[in-house]
Amino acid sequence: MFLGGGQGFSSRPFAEATQATIDSEVSRLLREAEQTAVDLLRSHRGELDQLVSLLLEHETVNGDAVYRIVGKPTPAHRPEEMAIAPHPATHTAAAAAPDTAHPEAARPDAPRPDAPASH
């Protein structure tokens, strides 16, 4: 219920009845999406259980294993942004990134904050 005064003072561009219709439709769409997700999970329960077992055994799996579990051929070419594991260059770049917790470690030749200043 809006308590803000007369006509023209409402911050909403529509009536309460319209808001109720919008809320009802949003609720319906959410329930429908949830049911679709539950149905998909149930219909693929066997594959999910296999994936869980594989993850418990190996901790990580690659896309080839997932394709094998679901019975699909591994695509011949996947774009890099679709890769499941980070590209090896990512690890190299991360290792070369400066240590933001200890900025003095970023440059070995940089003066240390506890060292006397030389002029």
C-alpha atoms as a PDB file:
ATOM      1  CA  MET A   1       0.000   0.000   0.000  1.00  0.00           C
ATOM      2  CA  PHE A   2       1.354   3.416  -0.939  1.00  0.00           C
ATOM      3  CA  LEU A   3       1.226   6.017   1.825  1.00  0.00           C
ATOM      4  CA  GLY A   4       2.804   8.940   0.029  1.00  0.00           C
ATOM      5  CA  GLY A   5       0.018  11.418  -0.590  1.00  0.00           C
ATOM      6  CA  GLY A   6      -2.331  12.124  -3.431  1.00  0.00           C
ATOM      7  CA  GLN A   7      -2.288  11.457  -7.113  1.00  0.00           C
ATOM      8  CA  GLY A   8       0.982  12.363  -8.796  1.00  0.00           C
ATOM      9  CA  PHE A   9       3.071  11.813  -5.672  1.00  0.00           C
ATOM     10  CA  SER A  10       3.577   8.077  -6.148  1.00  0.00           C
ATOM     11  CA  SER A  11       7.079   6.952  -7.125  1.00  0.00           C
ATOM     12  CA  ARG A  12       5.546   4.046  -9.048  1.00  0.00           C
ATOM     13  CA  PRO A  13       4.485   4.598 -12.645  1.00  0.00           C
ATOM     14  CA  PHE A  14       1.634   2.040 -12.276  1.00  0.00           C
ATOM     15  CA  ALA A  15      -1.256   1.092 -10.007  1.00  0.00           C
ATOM     16  CA  GLU A  16      -1.245  -1.496  -7.212  1.00  0.00           C
ATOM     17  CA  ALA A  17      -3.345  -3.834  -9.372  1.00  0.00           C
ATOM     18  CA  THR A  18      -0.688  -3.688 -12.070  1.00  0.00           C
ATOM     19  CA  GLN A  19       2.020  -4.367  -9.465  1.00  0.00           C
ATOM     20  CA  ALA A  20       0.044  -7.405  -8.243  1.00  0.00           C
ATOM     21  CA  THR A  21      -0.188  -8.688 -11.836  1.00  0.00           C
ATOM     22  CA  ILE A  22       3.555  -8.193 -12.337  1.00  0.00           C
ATOM     23  CA  ASP A  23       4.355  -9.948  -9.031  1.00  0.00           C
ATOM     24  CA  SER A  24       2.099 -12.852  -9.930  1.00  0.00           C
ATOM     25  CA  GLU A  25       3.694 -13.259 -13.357  1.00  0.00           C
ATOM     26  CA  VAL A  26       7.223 -13.087 -11.941  1.00  0.00           C
ATOM     27  CA  SER A  27       6.296 -15.735  -9.356  1.00  0.00           C
ATOM     28  CA  ARG A  28       4.852 -17.952 -12.062  1.00  0.00           C
ATOM     29  CA  LEU A  29       7.962 -17.608 -14.218  1.00  0.00           C
ATOM     30  CA  LEU A  30      10.231 -18.429 -11.272  1.00  0.00           C
ATOM     31  CA  ARG A  31       8.186 -21.506 -10.316  1.00  0.00           C
ATOM     32  CA  GLU A  32       8.230 -22.657 -13.939  1.00  0.00           C
ATOM     33  CA  ALA A  33      12.020 -22.180 -14.209  1.00  0.00           C
ATOM     34  CA  GLU A  34      12.562 -24.031 -10.926  1.00  0.00           C
ATOM     35  CA  GLN A  35      10.424 -26.941 -12.093  1.00  0.00           C
ATOM     36  CA  THR A  36      12.324 -27.095 -15.394  1.00  0.00           C
ATOM     37  CA  ALA A  37      15.650 -27.165 -13.513  1.00  0.00           C
ATOM     38  CA  VAL A  38      14.431 -29.907 -11.136  1.00  0.00           C
ATOM     39  CA  ASP A  39      13.113 -31.963 -14.065  1.00  0.00           C
ATOM     40  CA  LEU A  40      16.461 -31.641 -15.883  1.00  0.00           C
ATOM     41  CA  LEU A  41      18.401 -32.671 -12.791  1.00  0.00           C
ATOM     42  CA  ARG A  42      16.120 -35.666 -12.229  1.00  0.00           C
ATOM     43  CA  SER A  43      16.274 -36.775 -15.848  1.00  0.00           C
ATOM     44  CA  HIS A  44      20.095 -36.677 -15.771  1.00  0.00           C
ATOM     45  CA  ARG A  45      20.544 -38.090 -12.273  1.00  0.00           C
ATOM     46  CA  GLY A  46      22.680 -41.011 -13.487  1.00  0.00           C
ATOM     47  CA  GLU A  47      25.120 -38.714 -15.271  1.00  0.00           C
ATOM     48  CA  LEU A  48      25.253 -36.389 -12.247  1.00  0.00           C
ATOM     49  CA  ASP A  49      26.060 -39.316  -9.949  1.00  0.00           C
ATOM     50  CA  GLN A  50      28.865 -40.433 -12.297  1.00  0.00           C
ATOM     51  CA  LEU A  51      30.268 -36.907 -12.353  1.00  0.00           C
ATOM     52  CA  VAL A  52      30.127 -36.685  -8.542  1.00  0.00           C
ATOM     53  CA  SER A  53      31.996 -39.992  -8.229  1.00  0.00           C
ATOM     54  CA  LEU A  54      34.633 -38.854 -10.691  1.00  0.00           C
ATOM     55  CA  LEU A  55      35.054 -35.529  -8.884  1.00  0.00           C
ATOM     56  CA  LEU A  56      35.353 -37.261  -5.513  1.00  0.00           C
ATOM     57  CA  GLU A  57      38.035 -39.531  -6.950  1.00  0.00           C
ATOM     58  CA  HIS A  58      40.036 -36.945  -8.923  1.00  0.00           C
ATOM     59  CA  GLU A  59      38.912 -33.565  -7.509  1.00  0.00           C
ATOM     60  CA  THR A  60      38.933 -32.001 -10.991  1.00  0.00           C
ATOM     61  CA  VAL A  61      37.768 -33.267 -14.372  1.00  0.00           C
ATOM     62  CA  ASN A  62      38.195 -31.937 -17.860  1.00  0.00           C
ATOM     63  CA  GLY A  63      35.548 -31.414 -20.481  1.00  0.00           C
ATOM     64  CA  ASP A  64      36.399 -34.657 -22.265  1.00  0.00           C
ATOM     65  CA  ALA A  65      35.366 -36.624 -19.172  1.00  0.00           C
ATOM     66  CA  VAL A  66      32.072 -34.739 -18.956  1.00  0.00           C
ATOM     67  CA  TYR A  67      31.334 -35.389 -22.632  1.00  0.00           C
ATOM     68  CA  ARG A  68      32.166 -39.079 -22.117  1.00  0.00           C
ATOM     69  CA  ILE A  69      29.788 -39.293 -19.133  1.00  0.00           C
ATOM     70  CA  VAL A  70      26.888 -37.749 -21.053  1.00  0.00           C
ATOM     71  CA  GLY A  71      27.619 -39.912 -24.100  1.00  0.00           C
ATOM     72  CA  LYS A  72      28.452 -37.087 -26.471  1.00  0.00           C
ATOM     73  CA  PRO A  73      31.510 -36.785 -28.694  1.00  0.00           C
ATOM     74  CA  THR A  74      34.091 -34.216 -27.644  1.00  0.00           C
ATOM     75  CA  PRO A  75      33.938 -31.276 -30.059  1.00  0.00           C
ATOM     76  CA  ALA A  76      36.902 -31.173 -32.417  1.00  0.00           C
ATOM     77  CA  HIS A  77      37.487 -27.485 -31.717  1.00  0.00           C
ATOM     78  CA  ARG A  78      36.503 -25.399 -28.739  1.00  0.00           C
ATOM     79  CA  PRO A  79      37.219 -21.695 -28.615  1.00  0.00           C
ATOM     80  CA  GLU A  80      39.717 -20.752 -25.885  1.00  0.00           C
ATOM     81  CA  GLU A  81      37.082 -18.878 -23.876  1.00  0.00           C
ATOM     82  CA  MET A  82      35.100 -22.121 -23.702  1.00  0.00           C
ATOM     83  CA  ALA A  83      37.993 -24.089 -22.226  1.00  0.00           C
ATOM     84  CA  ILE A  84      37.190 -25.559 -18.823  1.00  0.00           C
ATOM     85  CA  ALA A  85      40.694 -25.195 -17.384  1.00  0.00           C
ATOM     86  CA  PRO A  86      42.632 -21.926 -17.487  1.00  0.00           C
ATOM     87  CA  HIS A  87      45.100 -21.569 -20.305  1.00  0.00           C
ATOM     88  CA  PRO A  88      48.717 -22.287 -19.223  1.00  0.00           C
ATOM     89  CA  ALA A  89      49.659 -18.670 -20.040  1.00  0.00           C
ATOM     90  CA  THR A  90      47.184 -17.578 -17.365  1.00  0.00           C
ATOM     91  CA  HIS A  91      49.220 -19.358 -14.709  1.00  0.00           C
ATOM     92  CA  THR A  92      52.425 -17.773 -15.991  1.00  0.00           C
ATOM     93  CA  ALA A  93      50.890 -14.298 -15.957  1.00  0.00           C
ATOM     94  CA  ALA A  94      49.499 -14.840 -12.468  1.00  0.00           C
ATOM     95  CA  ALA A  95      52.894 -15.975 -11.219  1.00  0.00           C
ATOM     96  CA  ALA A  96      54.509 -12.868 -12.686  1.00  0.00           C
ATOM     97  CA  ALA A  97      51.892 -10.535 -11.201  1.00  0.00           C
ATOM     98  CA  PRO A  98      53.124  -8.242  -8.454  1.00  0.00           C
ATOM     99  CA  ASP A  99      52.512  -9.203  -4.858  1.00  0.00           C
ATOM    100  CA  THR A 100      49.923  -6.612  -3.833  1.00  0.00           C
ATOM    101  CA  ALA A 101      50.003  -7.734  -0.197  1.00  0.00           C
ATOM    102  CA  HIS A 102      53.748  -6.958  -0.081  1.00  0.00           C
ATOM    103  CA  PRO A 103      54.404  -4.224  -2.660  1.00  0.00           C
ATOM    104  CA  GLU A 104      58.100  -4.129  -1.775  1.00  0.00           C
ATOM    105  CA  ALA A 105      58.364  -7.680  -3.110  1.00  0.00           C
ATOM    106  CA  ALA A 106      57.227  -6.533  -6.550  1.00  0.00           C
ATOM    107  CA  ARG A 107      60.616  -4.970  -7.349  1.00  0.00           C
ATOM    108  CA  PRO A 108      63.708  -6.505  -5.769  1.00  0.00           C
ATOM    109  CA  ASP A 109      65.681  -3.286  -6.481  1.00  0.00           C
ATOM    110  CA  ALA A 110      63.093  -1.060  -4.782  1.00  0.00           C
ATOM    111  CA  PRO A 111      64.089   0.370  -1.412  1.00  0.00           C
ATOM    112  CA  ARG A 112      62.557  -1.411   1.526  1.00  0.00           C
ATOM    113  CA  PRO A 113      60.299   0.684   3.759  1.00  0.00           C
ATOM    114  CA  ASP A 114      62.386  -0.234   6.828  1.00  0.00           C
ATOM    115  CA  ALA A 115      65.729   0.551   5.129  1.00  0.00           C
ATOM    116  CA  PRO A 116      67.376   3.967   5.639  1.00  0.00           C
ATOM    117  CA  ALA A 117      66.816   6.364   2.759  1.00  0.00           C
ATOM    118  CA  SER A 118      69.854   7.103   0.608  1.00  0.00           C
ATOM    119  CA  HIS A 119      70.189  10.444  -1.151  1.00  0.00           C
END
